[in-house]
Amino acid sequence: MFNHVMFPDELAEGIAFVMRNIREGRFRPIIDKVFSLDDTREAYHHMLGNSQCGKIVVRTADGSH
């Protein structure tokens, strides 16, 4: 969303809105599916299928993402 806002004031307002709602716990991500780093090809195909309901997460071997 932030890459497409052409007016600096609107961008700042949008960022403040999102950050405030994250801090207050109102925005929580919905995770559709988690893939390992070894399965990035499968994750990409899952994304291309456009059937996901939420975020697609790719984790490294140590569990970080």
PDB file of N, CA and C in Angstrom:
ATOM      1  N   MET A   1       0.822  -1.187   0.000  1.00  0.00           N
ATOM      2  CA  MET A   1       0.000   0.000   0.000  1.00  0.00           C
ATOM      3  C   MET A   1       0.866   1.251   0.000  1.00  0.00           C
ATOM      4  N   PHE A   2       1.965   1.227   0.746  1.00  0.00           N
ATOM      5  CA  PHE A   2       2.756   2.444   0.898  1.00  0.00           C
ATOM      6  C   PHE A   2       3.560   2.795  -0.351  1.00  0.00           C
ATOM      7  N   ASN A   3       3.769   1.840  -1.238  1.00  0.00           N
ATOM      8  CA  ASN A   3       4.511   2.123  -2.468  1.00  0.00           C
ATOM      9  C   ASN A   3       3.683   2.884  -3.483  1.00  0.00           C
ATOM     10  N   HIS A   4       2.378   3.006  -3.270  1.00  0.00           N
ATOM     11  CA  HIS A   4       1.502   3.585  -4.273  1.00  0.00           C
ATOM     12  C   HIS A   4       0.873   4.906  -3.851  1.00  0.00           C
ATOM     13  N   VAL A   5       1.291   5.441  -2.729  1.00  0.00           N
ATOM     14  CA  VAL A   5       0.738   6.715  -2.254  1.00  0.00           C
ATOM     15  C   VAL A   5       1.646   7.827  -2.745  1.00  0.00           C
ATOM     16  N   MET A   6       1.066   8.764  -3.496  1.00  0.00           N
ATOM     17  CA  MET A   6       1.866   9.807  -4.129  1.00  0.00           C
ATOM     18  C   MET A   6       1.973  11.088  -3.300  1.00  0.00           C
ATOM     19  N   PHE A   7       1.160  11.214  -2.256  1.00  0.00           N
ATOM     20  CA  PHE A   7       1.133  12.448  -1.486  1.00  0.00           C
ATOM     21  C   PHE A   7       1.742  12.214  -0.106  1.00  0.00           C
ATOM     22  N   PRO A   8       2.828  12.892   0.233  1.00  0.00           N
ATOM     23  CA  PRO A   8       3.536  12.655   1.488  1.00  0.00           C
ATOM     24  C   PRO A   8       2.641  12.742   2.735  1.00  0.00           C
ATOM     25  N   ASP A   9       1.708  13.685   2.768  1.00  0.00           N
ATOM     26  CA  ASP A   9       0.836  13.805   3.939  1.00  0.00           C
ATOM     27  C   ASP A   9      -0.052  12.579   4.095  1.00  0.00           C
ATOM     28  N   GLU A  10      -0.598  12.091   2.988  1.00  0.00           N
ATOM     29  CA  GLU A  10      -1.439  10.894   3.046  1.00  0.00           C
ATOM     30  C   GLU A  10      -0.617   9.669   3.424  1.00  0.00           C
ATOM     31  N   LEU A  11       0.603   9.591   2.935  1.00  0.00           N
ATOM     32  CA  LEU A  11       1.493   8.491   3.282  1.00  0.00           C
ATOM     33  C   LEU A  11       1.769   8.484   4.776  1.00  0.00           C
ATOM     34  N   ALA A  12       2.111   9.632   5.333  1.00  0.00           N
ATOM     35  CA  ALA A  12       2.396   9.739   6.765  1.00  0.00           C
ATOM     36  C   ALA A  12       1.167   9.362   7.592  1.00  0.00           C
ATOM     37  N   GLU A  13       0.002   9.799   7.157  1.00  0.00           N
ATOM     38  CA  GLU A  13      -1.237   9.470   7.857  1.00  0.00           C
ATOM     39  C   GLU A  13      -1.507   7.958   7.814  1.00  0.00           C
ATOM     40  N   GLY A  14      -1.274   7.346   6.670  1.00  0.00           N
ATOM     41  CA  GLY A  14      -1.469   5.905   6.527  1.00  0.00           C
ATOM     42  C   GLY A  14      -0.510   5.106   7.389  1.00  0.00           C
ATOM     43  N   ILE A  15       0.755   5.503   7.401  1.00  0.00           N
ATOM     44  CA  ILE A  15       1.752   4.820   8.221  1.00  0.00           C
ATOM     45  C   ILE A  15       1.392   4.944   9.694  1.00  0.00           C
ATOM     46  N   ALA A  16       0.999   6.141  10.129  1.00  0.00           N
ATOM     47  CA  ALA A  16       0.621   6.356  11.531  1.00  0.00           C
ATOM     48  C   ALA A  16      -0.576   5.479  11.902  1.00  0.00           C
ATOM     49  N   PHE A  17      -1.561   5.372  11.008  1.00  0.00           N
ATOM     50  CA  PHE A  17      -2.739   4.551  11.257  1.00  0.00           C
ATOM     51  C   PHE A  17      -2.357   3.083  11.448  1.00  0.00           C
ATOM     52  N   VAL A  18      -1.548   2.566  10.533  1.00  0.00           N
ATOM     53  CA  VAL A  18      -1.147   1.165  10.612  1.00  0.00           C
ATOM     54  C   VAL A  18      -0.316   0.916  11.868  1.00  0.00           C
ATOM     55  N   MET A  19       0.670   1.759  12.127  1.00  0.00           N
ATOM     56  CA  MET A  19       1.535   1.566  13.293  1.00  0.00           C
ATOM     57  C   MET A  19       0.753   1.656  14.595  1.00  0.00           C
ATOM     58  N   ARG A  20      -0.175   2.594  14.697  1.00  0.00           N
ATOM     59  CA  ARG A  20      -0.994   2.732  15.905  1.00  0.00           C
ATOM     60  C   ARG A  20      -1.817   1.456  16.139  1.00  0.00           C
ATOM     61  N   ASN A  21      -2.416   0.941  15.110  1.00  0.00           N
ATOM     62  CA  ASN A  21      -3.246  -0.251  15.251  1.00  0.00           C
ATOM     63  C   ASN A  21      -2.426  -1.503  15.539  1.00  0.00           C
ATOM     64  N   ILE A  22      -1.210  -1.578  15.046  1.00  0.00           N
ATOM     65  CA  ILE A  22      -0.324  -2.693  15.394  1.00  0.00           C
ATOM     66  C   ILE A  22       0.045  -2.601  16.867  1.00  0.00           C
ATOM     67  N   ARG A  23       0.458  -1.412  17.321  1.00  0.00           N
ATOM     68  CA  ARG A  23       0.826  -1.228  18.735  1.00  0.00           C
ATOM     69  C   ARG A  23      -0.325  -1.573  19.670  1.00  0.00           C
ATOM     70  N   GLU A  24      -1.536  -1.201  19.287  1.00  0.00           N
ATOM     71  CA  GLU A  24      -2.705  -1.425  20.139  1.00  0.00           C
ATOM     72  C   GLU A  24      -3.283  -2.827  19.979  1.00  0.00           C
ATOM     73  N   GLY A  25      -2.660  -3.659  19.173  1.00  0.00           N
ATOM     74  CA  GLY A  25      -3.085  -5.044  19.033  1.00  0.00           C
ATOM     75  C   GLY A  25      -4.334  -5.246  18.193  1.00  0.00           C
ATOM     76  N   ARG A  26      -4.716  -4.252  17.435  1.00  0.00           N
ATOM     77  CA  ARG A  26      -5.914  -4.366  16.597  1.00  0.00           C
ATOM     78  C   ARG A  26      -5.655  -5.077  15.282  1.00  0.00           C
ATOM     79  N   PHE A  27      -4.425  -5.009  14.802  1.00  0.00           N
ATOM     80  CA  PHE A  27      -4.066  -5.680  13.554  1.00  0.00           C
ATOM     81  C   PHE A  27      -3.239  -6.910  13.897  1.00  0.00           C
ATOM     82  N   ARG A  28      -3.750  -8.053  13.546  1.00  0.00           N
ATOM     83  CA  ARG A  28      -3.010  -9.299  13.752  1.00  0.00           C
ATOM     84  C   ARG A  28      -2.983 -10.039  12.424  1.00  0.00           C
ATOM     85  N   PRO A  29      -1.827 -10.524  12.022  1.00  0.00           N
ATOM     86  CA  PRO A  29      -1.758 -11.216  10.730  1.00  0.00           C
ATOM     87  C   PRO A  29      -2.473 -12.563  10.780  1.00  0.00           C
ATOM     88  N   ILE A  30      -3.049 -12.934   9.667  1.00  0.00           N
ATOM     89  CA  ILE A  30      -3.621 -14.263   9.497  1.00  0.00           C
ATOM     90  C   ILE A  30      -2.629 -15.032   8.637  1.00  0.00           C
ATOM     91  N   ILE A  31      -2.171 -16.161   9.136  1.00  0.00           N
ATOM     92  CA  ILE A  31      -1.183 -16.957   8.413  1.00  0.00           C
ATOM     93  C   ILE A  31      -1.894 -18.107   7.721  1.00  0.00           C
ATOM     94  N   ASP A  32      -1.787 -18.143   6.413  1.00  0.00           N
ATOM     95  CA  ASP A  32      -2.418 -19.185   5.619  1.00  0.00           C
ATOM     96  C   ASP A  32      -1.625 -20.481   5.678  1.00  0.00           C
ATOM     97  N   LYS A  33      -0.318 -20.374   5.434  1.00  0.00           N
ATOM     98  CA  LYS A  33       0.504 -21.576   5.369  1.00  0.00           C
ATOM     99  C   LYS A  33       1.955 -21.203   5.635  1.00  0.00           C
ATOM    100  N   VAL A  34       2.685 -22.129   6.264  1.00  0.00           N
ATOM    101  CA  VAL A  34       4.102 -21.922   6.560  1.00  0.00           C
ATOM    102  C   VAL A  34       4.908 -22.950   5.764  1.00  0.00           C
ATOM    103  N   PHE A  35       5.933 -22.468   5.080  1.00  0.00           N
ATOM    104  CA  PHE A  35       6.819 -23.319   4.297  1.00  0.00           C
ATOM    105  C   PHE A  35       8.231 -23.203   4.848  1.00  0.00           C
ATOM    106  N   SER A  36       9.022 -24.267   4.651  1.00  0.00           N
ATOM    107  CA  SER A  36      10.441 -24.171   5.002  1.00  0.00           C
ATOM    108  C   SER A  36      11.162 -23.482   3.850  1.00  0.00           C
ATOM    109  N   LEU A  37      12.349 -23.003   4.128  1.00  0.00           N
ATOM    110  CA  LEU A  37      13.140 -22.331   3.099  1.00  0.00           C
ATOM    111  C   LEU A  37      13.424 -23.273   1.933  1.00  0.00           C
ATOM    112  N   ASP A  38      13.511 -24.564   2.214  1.00  0.00           N
ATOM    113  CA  ASP A  38      13.732 -25.550   1.151  1.00  0.00           C
ATOM    114  C   ASP A  38      12.523 -25.686   0.222  1.00  0.00           C
ATOM    115  N   ASP A  39      11.359 -25.215   0.667  1.00  0.00           N
ATOM    116  CA  ASP A  39      10.132 -25.345  -0.116  1.00  0.00           C
ATOM    117  C   ASP A  39       9.679 -24.020  -0.728  1.00  0.00           C
ATOM    118  N   THR A  40      10.619 -23.130  -1.031  1.00  0.00           N
ATOM    119  CA  THR A  40      10.226 -21.829  -1.579  1.00  0.00           C
ATOM    120  C   THR A  40       9.518 -21.964  -2.921  1.00  0.00           C
ATOM    121  N   ARG A  41       9.892 -22.959  -3.697  1.00  0.00           N
ATOM    122  CA  ARG A  41       9.217 -23.170  -4.983  1.00  0.00           C
ATOM    123  C   ARG A  41       7.742 -23.530  -4.748  1.00  0.00           C
ATOM    124  N   GLU A  42       7.510 -24.420  -3.794  1.00  0.00           N
ATOM    125  CA  GLU A  42       6.137 -24.792  -3.453  1.00  0.00           C
ATOM    126  C   GLU A  42       5.363 -23.591  -2.904  1.00  0.00           C
ATOM    127  N   ALA A  43       6.025 -22.768  -2.100  1.00  0.00           N
ATOM    128  CA  ALA A  43       5.381 -21.561  -1.567  1.00  0.00           C
ATOM    129  C   ALA A  43       5.006 -20.610  -2.698  1.00  0.00           C
ATOM    130  N   TYR A  44       5.884 -20.473  -3.672  1.00  0.00           N
ATOM    131  CA  TYR A  44       5.615 -19.602  -4.810  1.00  0.00           C
ATOM    132  C   TYR A  44       4.411 -20.113  -5.607  1.00  0.00           C
ATOM    133  N   HIS A  45       4.357 -21.407  -5.831  1.00  0.00           N
ATOM    134  CA  HIS A  45       3.228 -21.975  -6.569  1.00  0.00           C
ATOM    135  C   HIS A  45       1.926 -21.826  -5.780  1.00  0.00           C
ATOM    136  N   HIS A  46       2.015 -21.951  -4.467  1.00  0.00           N
ATOM    137  CA  HIS A  46       0.834 -21.736  -3.626  1.00  0.00           C
ATOM    138  C   HIS A  46       0.333 -20.299  -3.786  1.00  0.00           C
ATOM    139  N   MET A  47       1.262 -19.351  -3.801  1.00  0.00           N
ATOM    140  CA  MET A  47       0.896 -17.948  -3.978  1.00  0.00           C
ATOM    141  C   MET A  47       0.267 -17.714  -5.356  1.00  0.00           C
ATOM    142  N   LEU A  48       0.842 -18.319  -6.389  1.00  0.00           N
ATOM    143  CA  LEU A  48       0.311 -18.153  -7.738  1.00  0.00           C
ATOM    144  C   LEU A  48      -1.100 -18.711  -7.885  1.00  0.00           C
ATOM    145  N   GLY A  49      -1.432 -19.713  -7.069  1.00  0.00           N
ATOM    146  CA  GLY A  49      -2.762 -20.304  -7.116  1.00  0.00           C
ATOM    147  C   GLY A  49      -3.843 -19.367  -6.617  1.00  0.00           C
ATOM    148  N   ASN A  50      -3.414 -18.313  -5.922  1.00  0.00           N
ATOM    149  CA  ASN A  50      -4.326 -17.281  -5.412  1.00  0.00           C
ATOM    150  C   ASN A  50      -5.468 -17.864  -4.576  1.00  0.00           C
ATOM    151  N   SER A  51      -5.173 -18.924  -3.830  1.00  0.00           N
ATOM    152  CA  SER A  51      -6.190 -19.546  -2.987  1.00  0.00           C
ATOM    153  C   SER A  51      -5.945 -19.273  -1.505  1.00  0.00           C
ATOM    154  N   GLN A  52      -4.875 -18.550  -1.207  1.00  0.00           N
ATOM    155  CA  GLN A  52      -4.524 -18.321   0.186  1.00  0.00           C
ATOM    156  C   GLN A  52      -5.498 -17.352   0.859  1.00  0.00           C
ATOM    157  N   CYS A  53      -5.645 -17.562   2.138  1.00  0.00           N
ATOM    158  CA  CYS A  53      -6.456 -16.657   2.961  1.00  0.00           C
ATOM    159  C   CYS A  53      -5.551 -16.211   4.103  1.00  0.00           C
ATOM    160  N   GLY A  54      -4.730 -15.234   3.849  1.00  0.00           N
ATOM    161  CA  GLY A  54      -3.757 -14.780   4.827  1.00  0.00           C
ATOM    162  C   GLY A  54      -2.364 -14.778   4.222  1.00  0.00           C
ATOM    163  N   LYS A  55      -1.392 -14.639   5.076  1.00  0.00           N
ATOM    164  CA  LYS A  55       0.003 -14.528   4.651  1.00  0.00           C
ATOM    165  C   LYS A  55       0.634 -15.893   4.447  1.00  0.00           C
ATOM    166  N   ILE A  56       1.593 -15.944   3.544  1.00  0.00           N
ATOM    167  CA  ILE A  56       2.407 -17.128   3.331  1.00  0.00           C
ATOM    168  C   ILE A  56       3.753 -16.835   3.973  1.00  0.00           C
ATOM    169  N   VAL A  57       4.176 -17.693   4.887  1.00  0.00           N
ATOM    170  CA  VAL A  57       5.413 -17.484   5.648  1.00  0.00           C
ATOM    171  C   VAL A  57       6.432 -18.519   5.202  1.00  0.00           C
ATOM    172  N   VAL A  58       7.670 -18.067   4.964  1.00  0.00           N
ATOM    173  CA  VAL A  58       8.778 -18.962   4.659  1.00  0.00           C
ATOM    174  C   VAL A  58       9.775 -18.855   5.806  1.00  0.00           C
ATOM    175  N   ARG A  59      10.071 -19.990   6.417  1.00  0.00           N
ATOM    176  CA  ARG A  59      10.984 -20.012   7.568  1.00  0.00           C
ATOM    177  C   ARG A  59      12.326 -20.612   7.191  1.00  0.00           C
ATOM    178  N   THR A  60      13.362 -20.110   7.825  1.00  0.00           N
ATOM    179  CA  THR A  60      14.692 -20.691   7.641  1.00  0.00           C
ATOM    180  C   THR A  60      14.816 -21.926   8.521  1.00  0.00           C
ATOM    181  N   ALA A  61      15.903 -22.644   8.387  1.00  0.00           N
ATOM    182  CA  ALA A  61      16.110 -23.871   9.158  1.00  0.00           C
ATOM    183  C   ALA A  61      16.099 -23.600  10.665  1.00  0.00           C
ATOM    184  N   ASP A  62      16.533 -22.402  11.092  1.00  0.00           N
ATOM    185  CA  ASP A  62      16.549 -22.085  12.524  1.00  0.00           C
ATOM    186  C   ASP A  62      15.204 -21.582  13.026  1.00  0.00           C
ATOM    187  N   GLY A  63      14.191 -21.554  12.144  1.00  0.00           N
ATOM    188  CA  GLY A  63      12.850 -21.161  12.563  1.00  0.00           C
ATOM    189  C   GLY A  63      12.532 -19.690  12.408  1.00  0.00           C
ATOM    190  N   SER A  64      13.530 -18.875  12.022  1.00  0.00           N
ATOM    191  CA  SER A  64      13.245 -17.459  11.822  1.00  0.00           C
ATOM    192  C   SER A  64      12.560 -17.274  10.486  1.00  0.00           C
ATOM    193  N   HIS A  65      11.983 -16.096  10.264  1.00  0.00           N
ATOM    194  CA  HIS A  65      11.292 -15.821   9.002  1.00  0.00           C
ATOM    195  C   HIS A  65      11.511 -14.391   8.586  1.00  0.00           C
TER     196      HIS A  65
END
